Amino acid sequence: MVSDYLTTEASRPLQRVLAIPPAEAHQIVRWPALDDHKDGVETTSDHTPIVMMHGMGDFANNPLGMVPLRKRISKNAGAYVHSVELCSKPEQLGNCSTEDQSNGFLMTMDAQVDQFARVVRADPQLANGFHAIGFSQGNAVIRGYIHRYNSPPVKRFVSMHGVMMGVAGLPQCPTNVTGLGTVCRTVDWIVGHAGAYTSFVQNRLAQANYYRDPTDLATYRAHGHFLPYINNEVKGKENATYASNFKSLEKLVLVMAEGDTMVHPKESEHFGYFKDGSRTELFFDERGAVVH
């Protein structure tokens, strides 16, 4: 049961470790001005390497967020940290910042998971397993890796505002972020010219791959890519390995942003969601994750 290792009220201790302001609920991490000598964090004794996966619209080498965050986590944990980039060419495992940012939208979730697996498997420092920290959409990538690969294994998984049970509305592309204007116009065009569950959109837009319409679950399960499969929601396509891989985690920490306006419903971050057929009534996930 997920409840055997689930921690949902981890925001305060985690914020002490990462020094993330509690009000932050964005896909793109912005690093606040901090004095490295006054954070009050003690180095942990667990030197297991750590893998980070950024959110939609962000990129691993973002000098304003992900880079200083990676350095702070490495310092505080006393561990090696690898921040994964998602390059378009399978053989390219890094140094692709422009692609890394746009691929958060235009690379399917299945392809993102496969590329994540290539990157971590190619890093010899991760060969014996690692802890994973994801941000928003990046948690879906990590979760997909755990279900489908998990070799080397994820030991502990910290999800910061993750889209665990999907979203009931496609997240808005942040047009005000430098470098995303063209990408956002492309995303708007894709969404505007076809339904979310058409093969055209599912094969081109990552966010559509975890769009879970609670009022049309039959179409979601029949035509949605990625999420209905890793959730084992498609009859006849259930995969016992997906469940056993996830249960093998030593610990799962789910952090929900109380004021989140990007992930809807925000309770998805705790494996909660709307009841079937409703866009207002929430449910407790049967695996033991408590919504509130």
Protein backbone atom coordinates (compact mmCIF):
# COMPACT_ATOMS: atom_id res chain seq x y z
CA MET A 1 0.00 0.00 0.00
CA VAL A 2 1.16 3.51 -0.79
CA SER A 3 0.07 4.45 2.71
CA ASP A 4 2.84 2.27 4.14
CA TYR A 5 5.44 4.86 3.15
CA LEU A 6 3.45 7.93 2.26
CA THR A 7 4.17 11.33 3.78
CA THR A 8 1.88 14.13 2.65
CA GLU A 9 2.68 16.79 5.24
CA ALA A 10 6.31 17.24 4.31
CA SER A 11 6.25 20.80 3.03
CA ARG A 12 7.77 22.41 6.11
CA PRO A 13 10.79 20.10 6.56
CA LEU A 14 11.33 19.97 2.81
CA GLN A 15 11.28 23.74 2.55
CA ARG A 16 13.96 23.85 5.24
CA VAL A 17 16.13 21.58 3.10
CA LEU A 18 15.48 23.28 -0.24
CA ALA A 19 14.76 26.78 1.07
CA ILE A 20 11.73 27.07 -1.22
CA PRO A 21 9.22 29.76 -0.27
CA PRO A 22 5.95 28.03 0.79
CA ALA A 23 3.86 30.18 -1.56
CA GLU A 24 5.67 29.01 -4.69
CA ALA A 25 3.34 26.93 -6.84
CA HIS A 26 4.75 27.41 -10.31
CA GLN A 27 6.08 24.99 -12.92
CA ILE A 28 9.24 27.09 -13.22
CA VAL A 29 11.44 27.26 -10.13
CA ARG A 30 12.75 30.72 -9.27
CA TRP A 31 15.58 30.74 -6.76
CA PRO A 32 15.29 33.42 -4.04
CA ALA A 33 18.27 35.44 -2.84
CA LEU A 34 19.76 33.39 -0.01
CA ASP A 35 22.75 33.52 2.26
CA ASP A 36 24.35 30.07 2.03
CA HIS A 37 25.72 30.47 5.53
CA LYS A 38 22.38 31.21 7.18
CA ASP A 39 20.03 28.51 5.94
CA GLY A 40 20.20 26.49 9.16
CA VAL A 41 20.29 23.14 7.33
CA GLU A 42 22.35 20.24 8.59
CA THR A 43 24.03 17.92 6.10
CA THR A 44 22.35 14.52 6.00
CA SER A 45 24.24 11.27 6.59
CA ASP A 46 22.65 9.59 3.54
CA HIS A 47 24.98 10.22 0.61
CA THR A 48 22.78 8.42 -1.95
CA PRO A 49 22.92 10.35 -5.25
CA ILE A 50 19.93 12.47 -6.19
CA VAL A 51 18.20 13.02 -9.53
CA MET A 52 16.13 16.13 -10.23
CA MET A 53 13.46 16.49 -12.92
CA HIS A 54 12.20 19.99 -13.72
CA GLY A 55 8.66 21.05 -14.57
CA MET A 56 6.87 22.36 -17.66
CA GLY A 57 8.56 25.36 -19.24
CA ASP A 58 11.67 25.04 -17.09
CA PHE A 59 15.05 23.54 -18.02
CA ALA A 60 17.80 21.79 -16.10
CA ASN A 61 20.42 24.48 -16.74
CA ASN A 62 18.20 27.40 -15.78
CA PRO A 63 20.68 29.73 -14.03
CA LEU A 64 17.88 31.47 -12.11
CA GLY A 65 16.39 28.36 -10.56
CA MET A 66 17.35 24.78 -11.25
CA VAL A 67 21.14 25.32 -11.21
CA PRO A 68 21.38 27.03 -7.80
CA LEU A 69 18.76 24.62 -6.48
CA ARG A 70 20.86 21.66 -7.61
CA LYS A 71 23.90 23.16 -5.90
CA ARG A 72 22.00 23.79 -2.67
CA ILE A 73 20.59 20.26 -2.56
CA SER A 74 24.04 18.79 -3.23
CA LYS A 75 25.56 20.87 -0.45
CA ASN A 76 22.84 20.13 2.09
CA ALA A 77 22.63 16.42 1.32
CA GLY A 78 26.36 15.92 0.87
CA ALA A 79 25.54 14.01 -2.29
CA TYR A 80 26.00 13.99 -6.04
CA VAL A 81 23.01 15.54 -7.86
CA HIS A 82 22.11 15.03 -11.52
CA SER A 83 19.53 17.42 -13.00
CA VAL A 84 18.12 15.66 -16.06
CA GLU A 85 17.84 17.33 -19.46
CA LEU A 86 15.39 16.09 -22.07
CA CYS A 87 17.12 16.29 -25.46
CA SER A 88 15.34 15.51 -28.72
CA LYS A 89 17.94 13.04 -30.01
CA PRO A 90 17.92 9.81 -27.99
CA GLU A 91 21.71 9.60 -28.12
CA GLN A 92 22.15 13.15 -26.75
CA LEU A 93 22.05 13.07 -22.96
CA GLY A 94 22.74 16.71 -22.14
CA ASN A 95 23.74 20.21 -23.29
CA CYS A 96 20.41 20.98 -24.97
CA SER A 97 18.81 23.76 -22.93
CA THR A 98 16.55 25.11 -25.70
CA GLU A 99 15.24 21.65 -26.53
CA ASP A 100 14.97 20.75 -22.85
CA GLN A 101 12.63 23.69 -22.27
CA SER A 102 10.44 23.20 -25.36
CA ASN A 103 10.31 19.41 -24.95
CA GLY A 104 8.41 19.93 -21.71
CA PHE A 105 5.52 20.74 -24.03
CA LEU A 106 6.22 19.12 -27.39
CA MET A 107 7.76 15.76 -26.40
CA THR A 108 5.18 13.17 -25.37
CA MET A 109 5.26 11.89 -21.80
CA ASP A 110 6.16 8.40 -23.01
CA ALA A 111 9.15 9.82 -24.89
CA GLN A 112 10.15 11.94 -21.87
CA VAL A 113 10.15 8.86 -19.63
CA ASP A 114 12.25 6.92 -22.15
CA GLN A 115 14.77 9.75 -22.41
CA PHE A 116 14.92 10.14 -18.63
CA ALA A 117 15.74 6.43 -18.44
CA ARG A 118 18.53 6.77 -21.01
CA VAL A 119 20.07 9.66 -19.10
CA VAL A 120 20.08 8.06 -15.65
CA ARG A 121 21.22 4.69 -16.98
CA ALA A 122 24.18 6.32 -18.71
CA ASP A 123 25.41 7.96 -15.49
CA PRO A 124 27.71 5.53 -13.63
CA GLN A 125 27.22 7.42 -10.37
CA LEU A 126 23.56 6.37 -10.36
CA ALA A 127 24.20 2.68 -11.01
CA ASN A 128 23.25 1.56 -7.49
CA GLY A 129 20.08 3.60 -7.26
CA PHE A 130 19.15 7.15 -6.38
CA HIS A 131 16.68 9.43 -4.66
CA ALA A 132 14.46 11.50 -6.98
CA ILE A 133 13.05 15.00 -6.60
CA GLY A 134 10.52 16.19 -9.14
CA PHE A 135 8.83 19.51 -9.77
CA SER A 136 5.24 19.60 -11.07
CA GLN A 137 5.18 17.80 -14.45
CA GLY A 138 8.63 16.37 -13.77
CA ASN A 139 7.05 14.10 -11.18
CA ALA A 140 5.01 12.39 -13.89
CA VAL A 141 8.27 11.65 -15.69
CA ILE A 142 9.83 10.18 -12.55
CA ARG A 143 6.70 8.21 -11.79
CA GLY A 144 6.67 6.80 -15.33
CA TYR A 145 10.30 5.77 -14.94
CA ILE A 146 9.58 3.98 -11.66
CA HIS A 147 6.66 2.06 -13.14
CA ARG A 148 8.29 1.14 -16.45
CA TYR A 149 12.00 0.91 -15.71
CA ASN A 150 13.20 1.40 -12.12
CA SER A 151 16.63 0.06 -12.98
CA PRO A 152 18.65 1.57 -11.42
CA PRO A 153 15.99 1.89 -8.75
CA VAL A 154 14.52 5.02 -7.22
CA LYS A 155 14.86 4.68 -3.46
CA ARG A 156 13.05 7.74 -2.15
CA PHE A 157 10.79 9.97 -4.21
CA VAL A 158 9.96 13.56 -3.27
CA SER A 159 7.19 15.07 -5.39
CA MET A 160 6.90 18.85 -5.29
CA HIS A 161 3.41 19.75 -6.54
CA GLY A 162 3.26 16.75 -8.89
CA VAL A 163 0.46 15.99 -11.35
CA MET A 164 0.10 12.52 -9.85
CA MET A 165 -3.51 11.81 -10.79
CA GLY A 166 -3.50 14.10 -13.79
CA VAL A 167 -5.31 17.38 -14.38
CA ALA A 168 -8.92 18.25 -15.21
CA GLY A 169 -7.81 21.21 -17.31
CA LEU A 170 -4.70 21.67 -19.44
CA PRO A 171 -2.10 23.85 -17.65
CA GLN A 172 -1.72 27.29 -19.22
CA CYS A 173 1.47 27.80 -21.17
CA PRO A 174 3.47 30.63 -19.48
CA THR A 175 3.75 33.09 -22.37
CA ASN A 176 5.59 35.60 -20.18
CA VAL A 177 8.63 33.32 -19.79
CA THR A 178 11.59 34.22 -22.00
CA GLY A 179 11.99 31.84 -24.92
CA LEU A 180 8.52 30.29 -24.69
CA GLY A 181 6.54 32.66 -26.92
CA THR A 182 6.74 30.50 -30.05
CA VAL A 183 6.26 27.29 -28.08
CA CYS A 184 3.13 28.67 -26.37
CA ARG A 185 1.66 29.82 -29.68
CA THR A 186 2.27 26.31 -31.05
CA VAL A 187 0.63 24.73 -28.00
CA ASP A 188 -2.39 27.05 -28.30
CA TRP A 189 -2.70 26.19 -31.99
CA ILE A 190 -2.56 22.44 -31.31
CA VAL A 191 -5.20 22.63 -28.59
CA GLY A 192 -7.40 24.95 -30.61
CA HIS A 193 -7.48 22.78 -33.72
CA ALA A 194 -8.27 19.38 -32.24
CA GLY A 195 -9.68 17.72 -29.14
CA ALA A 196 -7.36 16.70 -26.33
CA TYR A 197 -7.93 12.99 -26.88
CA THR A 198 -7.35 12.98 -30.64
CA SER A 199 -4.25 11.16 -31.80
CA PHE A 200 -3.03 14.44 -33.32
CA VAL A 201 -2.91 16.14 -29.91
CA GLN A 202 -1.89 13.07 -27.88
CA ASN A 203 1.10 12.56 -30.18
CA ARG A 204 2.23 16.19 -29.94
CA LEU A 205 1.39 17.72 -26.57
CA ALA A 206 2.77 16.34 -23.30
CA GLN A 207 0.10 17.95 -21.11
CA ALA A 208 -2.65 16.15 -23.02
CA ASN A 209 -1.08 12.84 -21.94
CA TYR A 210 -2.15 13.43 -18.32
CA TYR A 211 -5.41 15.25 -19.01
CA ARG A 212 -7.98 13.17 -17.12
CA ASP A 213 -11.47 14.47 -17.85
CA PRO A 214 -13.62 13.24 -14.92
CA THR A 215 -16.76 13.70 -17.03
CA ASP A 216 -15.48 11.62 -19.95
CA LEU A 217 -13.36 8.84 -18.50
CA ALA A 218 -14.37 6.37 -21.22
CA THR A 219 -12.69 8.52 -23.89
CA TYR A 220 -9.73 9.18 -21.61
CA ARG A 221 -9.15 5.45 -21.09
CA ALA A 222 -9.73 4.58 -24.73
CA HIS A 223 -7.65 7.29 -26.38
CA GLY A 224 -5.44 8.91 -23.75
CA HIS A 225 -1.75 8.13 -23.79
CA PHE A 226 0.49 7.57 -20.79
CA LEU A 227 -1.56 8.32 -17.63
CA PRO A 228 -4.37 5.76 -18.03
CA TYR A 229 -1.69 3.11 -18.53
CA ILE A 230 0.62 3.92 -15.63
CA ASN A 231 -2.53 4.23 -13.48
CA ASN A 232 -3.52 0.70 -14.61
CA GLU A 233 -6.92 2.07 -15.60
CA VAL A 234 -7.17 0.38 -19.00
CA LYS A 235 -8.97 -2.95 -18.73
CA GLY A 236 -6.88 -5.77 -20.17
CA LYS A 237 -3.73 -3.65 -20.10
CA GLU A 238 -3.05 -3.78 -16.36
CA ASN A 239 0.61 -4.31 -15.51
CA ALA A 240 1.49 -5.86 -12.16
CA THR A 241 5.12 -4.73 -12.51
CA TYR A 242 3.98 -1.09 -12.48
CA ALA A 243 2.41 -1.61 -9.07
CA SER A 244 5.27 -3.66 -7.60
CA ASN A 245 7.88 -1.17 -8.79
CA PHE A 246 6.08 1.70 -7.09
CA LYS A 247 5.59 -0.27 -3.88
CA SER A 248 9.35 -0.89 -3.78
CA LEU A 249 9.99 2.76 -2.86
CA GLU A 250 11.52 3.20 0.59
CA LYS A 251 9.61 6.44 1.03
CA LEU A 252 7.24 8.63 -0.96
CA VAL A 253 6.84 12.29 -0.01
CA LEU A 254 4.01 14.26 -1.65
CA VAL A 255 4.00 18.03 -1.25
CA MET A 256 0.79 19.83 -2.24
CA ALA A 257 0.69 23.59 -2.84
CA GLU A 258 -2.40 24.88 -1.04
CA GLY A 259 -2.64 27.86 -3.38
CA ASP A 260 -1.84 26.01 -6.60
CA THR A 261 -3.55 27.52 -9.65
CA MET A 262 -1.62 25.49 -12.23
CA VAL A 263 -2.58 21.92 -11.22
CA HIS A 264 -6.35 21.40 -11.09
CA PRO A 265 -7.46 19.89 -8.85
CA LYS A 266 -4.51 20.58 -6.58
CA GLU A 267 -5.43 17.40 -4.64
CA SER A 268 -3.99 15.46 -7.58
CA GLU A 269 -0.64 16.24 -5.94
CA HIS A 270 -1.69 13.86 -3.12
CA PHE A 271 -3.16 11.25 -5.50
CA GLY A 272 -6.61 12.74 -4.95
CA TYR A 273 -9.01 13.65 -7.73
CA PHE A 274 -12.58 14.42 -8.67
CA LYS A 275 -15.07 11.61 -8.32
CA ASP A 276 -16.09 10.02 -11.60
CA GLY A 277 -18.55 12.29 -13.38
CA SER A 278 -17.92 15.29 -11.12
CA ARG A 279 -15.79 18.42 -11.33
CA THR A 280 -16.44 19.47 -7.74
CA GLU A 281 -16.55 16.41 -5.45
CA LEU A 282 -13.20 14.91 -4.44
CA PHE A 283 -12.33 11.35 -3.45
CA PHE A 284 -9.77 9.53 -1.36
CA ASP A 285 -7.47 7.43 -3.52
CA GLU A 286 -7.97 3.70 -2.91
CA ARG A 287 -4.21 3.16 -2.57
CA GLY A 288 -4.21 4.97 0.71
CA ALA A 289 -3.15 8.51 -0.17
CA VAL A 290 -5.24 10.91 1.85
CA VAL A 291 -6.50 13.96 0.00
CA HIS A 292 -6.69 16.24 3.03
